[in-house]
Amino acid sequence: QVQVVESGGGLVQPGGSLRLACALSGFNLDYYAVGWFRQAPGKEREGVSCLSASDITNYADSVKGRFTISRDNAKNIVYLQMNGLKPEDTAVYYCAVRFRTGCSALAQEYNYWGQGTQVTVSS
């Protein structure tokens, strides 16, 4: 069984925080990189953050210093802690698995995707 399920999205005010969770089934995190992407209406999907199998992290410039990616291998969950949220962060956030140990910022490099969770930042 292979499954990727995102959760934790919601409506928050600017400056607020949210923690997204990506629950992975059927994947050994020792072998795969996991990325977070987001897509707003009318915009292309963009990479937000990625965690390699060896715990190397990558962040888009727009979220550096505000977002933190981490994982709990025992629970097979990858988290995205989002602080200091801005209206421009509003999007559907997707968790994706790359069938490589290293990260990529390109959505086309990822092989298995969750259904997404909506994050809305508005006053």
C-alpha atoms as a PDB file:
ATOM      1  CA  GLN A   1       0.000   0.000   0.000  1.00  0.00           C
ATOM      2  CA  VAL A   2       1.281   3.418  -1.033  1.00  0.00           C
ATOM      3  CA  GLN A   3      -0.398   6.536   0.296  1.00  0.00           C
ATOM      4  CA  VAL A   4       0.371  10.219   0.860  1.00  0.00           C
ATOM      5  CA  VAL A   5      -2.108  12.198   2.969  1.00  0.00           C
ATOM      6  CA  GLU A   6      -1.751  15.871   3.887  1.00  0.00           C
ATOM      7  CA  SER A   7      -3.484  17.481   6.834  1.00  0.00           C
ATOM      8  CA  GLY A   8      -3.314  20.594   8.980  1.00  0.00           C
ATOM      9  CA  GLY A   9      -4.490  23.251   6.570  1.00  0.00           C
ATOM     10  CA  GLY A  10      -7.002  25.898   7.501  1.00  0.00           C
ATOM     11  CA  LEU A  11      -7.783  29.583   7.774  1.00  0.00           C
ATOM     12  CA  VAL A  12      -5.344  31.744   9.712  1.00  0.00           C
ATOM     13  CA  GLN A  13      -4.722  35.456  10.127  1.00  0.00           C
ATOM     14  CA  PRO A  14      -1.591  37.118   8.777  1.00  0.00           C
ATOM     15  CA  GLY A  15       1.273  36.496  11.159  1.00  0.00           C
ATOM     16  CA  GLY A  16      -0.262  33.272  12.380  1.00  0.00           C
ATOM     17  CA  SER A  17       1.163  29.771  12.372  1.00  0.00           C
ATOM     18  CA  LEU A  18       0.124  26.432  11.006  1.00  0.00           C
ATOM     19  CA  ARG A  19       1.696  22.990  10.973  1.00  0.00           C
ATOM     20  CA  LEU A  20       1.075  20.744   8.027  1.00  0.00           C
ATOM     21  CA  ALA A  21       1.571  17.002   8.266  1.00  0.00           C
ATOM     22  CA  CYS A  22       2.274  14.543   5.496  1.00  0.00           C
ATOM     23  CA  ALA A  23       1.496  10.980   6.523  1.00  0.00           C
ATOM     24  CA  LEU A  24       3.310   8.451   4.384  1.00  0.00           C
ATOM     25  CA  SER A  25       2.381   4.807   3.979  1.00  0.00           C
ATOM     26  CA  GLY A  26       4.423   2.322   2.002  1.00  0.00           C
ATOM     27  CA  PHE A  27       7.529   4.523   1.798  1.00  0.00           C
ATOM     28  CA  ASN A  28      10.808   4.041   3.604  1.00  0.00           C
ATOM     29  CA  LEU A  29      12.090   7.517   4.379  1.00  0.00           C
ATOM     30  CA  ASP A  30      15.640   6.188   4.291  1.00  0.00           C
ATOM     31  CA  TYR A  31      15.371   6.067   0.511  1.00  0.00           C
ATOM     32  CA  TYR A  32      13.166   8.946  -0.623  1.00  0.00           C
ATOM     33  CA  ALA A  33      13.105  12.712  -0.550  1.00  0.00           C
ATOM     34  CA  VAL A  34       9.859  14.414   0.443  1.00  0.00           C
ATOM     35  CA  GLY A  35       8.844  17.833  -0.781  1.00  0.00           C
ATOM     36  CA  TRP A  36       6.150  20.387  -0.094  1.00  0.00           C
ATOM     37  CA  PHE A  37       4.695  22.307  -3.004  1.00  0.00           C
ATOM     38  CA  ARG A  38       1.921  24.847  -3.268  1.00  0.00           C
ATOM     39  CA  GLN A  39      -0.382  26.095  -5.974  1.00  0.00           C
ATOM     40  CA  ALA A  40      -2.627  29.136  -5.933  1.00  0.00           C
ATOM     41  CA  PRO A  41      -5.442  29.637  -8.469  1.00  0.00           C
ATOM     42  CA  GLY A  42      -4.071  30.845 -11.781  1.00  0.00           C
ATOM     43  CA  LYS A  43      -0.472  30.250 -10.745  1.00  0.00           C
ATOM     44  CA  GLU A  44       1.945  27.466 -11.426  1.00  0.00           C
ATOM     45  CA  ARG A  45       2.878  24.923  -8.813  1.00  0.00           C
ATOM     46  CA  GLU A  46       5.969  25.981  -6.916  1.00  0.00           C
ATOM     47  CA  GLY A  47       8.357  24.223  -4.611  1.00  0.00           C
ATOM     48  CA  VAL A  48       8.215  25.324  -0.984  1.00  0.00           C
ATOM     49  CA  SER A  49      10.552  22.990   0.843  1.00  0.00           C
ATOM     50  CA  CYS A  50      12.151  19.583   0.595  1.00  0.00           C
ATOM     51  CA  LEU A  51      13.725  17.113   2.984  1.00  0.00           C
ATOM     52  CA  SER A  52      16.200  14.605   1.627  1.00  0.00           C
ATOM     53  CA  ALA A  53      16.594  11.059   2.894  1.00  0.00           C
ATOM     54  CA  SER A  54      19.723  12.227   4.716  1.00  0.00           C
ATOM     55  CA  ASP A  55      17.916  15.195   6.325  1.00  0.00           C
ATOM     56  CA  ILE A  56      19.293  17.886   4.052  1.00  0.00           C
ATOM     57  CA  THR A  57      16.724  20.677   3.849  1.00  0.00           C
ATOM     58  CA  ASN A  58      15.860  23.102   1.082  1.00  0.00           C
ATOM     59  CA  TYR A  59      13.583  26.134   1.150  1.00  0.00           C
ATOM     60  CA  ALA A  60      12.238  28.560  -1.377  1.00  0.00           C
ATOM     61  CA  ASP A  61      13.587  32.060  -0.800  1.00  0.00           C
ATOM     62  CA  SER A  62      10.071  33.289  -0.098  1.00  0.00           C
ATOM     63  CA  VAL A  63       9.709  31.054   2.974  1.00  0.00           C
ATOM     64  CA  LYS A  64      13.233  30.946   4.397  1.00  0.00           C
ATOM     65  CA  GLY A  65      13.251  31.907   8.039  1.00  0.00           C
ATOM     66  CA  ARG A  66       9.522  31.298   8.361  1.00  0.00           C
ATOM     67  CA  PHE A  67       8.968  27.651   7.408  1.00  0.00           C
ATOM     68  CA  THR A  68      10.679  24.570   8.799  1.00  0.00           C
ATOM     69  CA  ILE A  69      10.505  21.064   7.382  1.00  0.00           C
ATOM     70  CA  SER A  70      11.114  18.052   9.598  1.00  0.00           C
ATOM     71  CA  ARG A  71      10.241  14.395   9.891  1.00  0.00           C
ATOM     72  CA  ASP A  72       9.350  11.735  12.399  1.00  0.00           C
ATOM     73  CA  ASN A  73      10.639   8.492  10.940  1.00  0.00           C
ATOM     74  CA  ALA A  74       8.945   6.362  13.594  1.00  0.00           C
ATOM     75  CA  LYS A  75       5.570   7.753  12.578  1.00  0.00           C
ATOM     76  CA  ASN A  76       6.388   8.144   8.875  1.00  0.00           C
ATOM     77  CA  ILE A  77       5.294  11.770   8.947  1.00  0.00           C
ATOM     78  CA  VAL A  78       6.913  14.810   7.371  1.00  0.00           C
ATOM     79  CA  TYR A  79       5.924  18.167   8.832  1.00  0.00           C
ATOM     80  CA  LEU A  80       5.968  21.701   7.543  1.00  0.00           C
ATOM     81  CA  GLN A  81       5.868  24.245  10.349  1.00  0.00           C
ATOM     82  CA  MET A  82       4.727  27.573   8.936  1.00  0.00           C
ATOM     83  CA  ASN A  83       5.213  30.705  11.011  1.00  0.00           C
ATOM     84  CA  GLY A  84       4.687  34.344  10.198  1.00  0.00           C
ATOM     85  CA  LEU A  85       2.169  33.469   7.511  1.00  0.00           C
ATOM     86  CA  LYS A  86       1.413  36.028   4.830  1.00  0.00           C
ATOM     87  CA  PRO A  87      -1.569  36.364   2.477  1.00  0.00           C
ATOM     88  CA  GLU A  88       0.734  35.382  -0.384  1.00  0.00           C
ATOM     89  CA  ASP A  89       1.167  31.987   1.277  1.00  0.00           C
ATOM     90  CA  THR A  90      -2.465  31.192   0.474  1.00  0.00           C
ATOM     91  CA  ALA A  91      -2.552  28.091  -1.697  1.00  0.00           C
ATOM     92  CA  VAL A  92      -3.252  24.405  -1.786  1.00  0.00           C
ATOM     93  CA  TYR A  93      -0.237  22.696  -0.272  1.00  0.00           C
ATOM     94  CA  TYR A  94       0.839  19.325  -1.601  1.00  0.00           C
ATOM     95  CA  CYS A  95       3.187  16.740  -0.210  1.00  0.00           C
ATOM     96  CA  ALA A  96       5.126  14.734  -2.762  1.00  0.00           C
ATOM     97  CA  VAL A  97       7.590  11.868  -2.756  1.00  0.00           C
ATOM     98  CA  ARG A  98      10.585  11.758  -5.034  1.00  0.00           C
ATOM     99  CA  PHE A  99      11.949   8.333  -5.878  1.00  0.00           C
ATOM    100  CA  ARG A 100      15.456   9.561  -5.153  1.00  0.00           C
ATOM    101  CA  THR A 101      17.307  10.289  -1.945  1.00  0.00           C
ATOM    102  CA  GLY A 102      18.077  13.879  -2.908  1.00  0.00           C
ATOM    103  CA  CYS A 103      15.862  16.926  -3.219  1.00  0.00           C
ATOM    104  CA  SER A 104      14.648  18.807  -6.250  1.00  0.00           C
ATOM    105  CA  ALA A 105      12.695  22.060  -6.471  1.00  0.00           C
ATOM    106  CA  LEU A 106      10.976  20.902  -9.656  1.00  0.00           C
ATOM    107  CA  ALA A 107       7.518  19.375  -9.338  1.00  0.00           C
ATOM    108  CA  GLN A 108       8.115  17.190 -12.382  1.00  0.00           C
ATOM    109  CA  GLU A 109      10.870  15.384 -10.512  1.00  0.00           C
ATOM    110  CA  TYR A 110       8.436  14.000  -7.921  1.00  0.00           C
ATOM    111  CA  ASN A 111       6.669  10.731  -8.468  1.00  0.00           C
ATOM    112  CA  TYR A 112       3.833  10.382  -5.974  1.00  0.00           C
ATOM    113  CA  TRP A 113       1.528  13.126  -4.705  1.00  0.00           C
ATOM    114  CA  GLY A 114      -1.063  13.656  -2.045  1.00  0.00           C
ATOM    115  CA  GLN A 115      -4.392  15.365  -2.650  1.00  0.00           C
ATOM    116  CA  GLY A 116      -3.429  18.620  -0.982  1.00  0.00           C
ATOM    117  CA  THR A 117      -4.615  20.701   1.937  1.00  0.00           C
ATOM    118  CA  GLN A 118      -5.904  24.269   1.695  1.00  0.00           C
ATOM    119  CA  VAL A 119      -4.065  27.036   3.515  1.00  0.00           C
ATOM    120  CA  THR A 120      -5.770  30.419   3.565  1.00  0.00           C
ATOM    121  CA  VAL A 121      -4.124  33.446   5.158  1.00  0.00           C
ATOM    122  CA  SER A 122      -6.556  36.314   5.467  1.00  0.00           C
ATOM    123  CA  SER A 123      -7.730  38.937   7.916  1.00  0.00           C
END
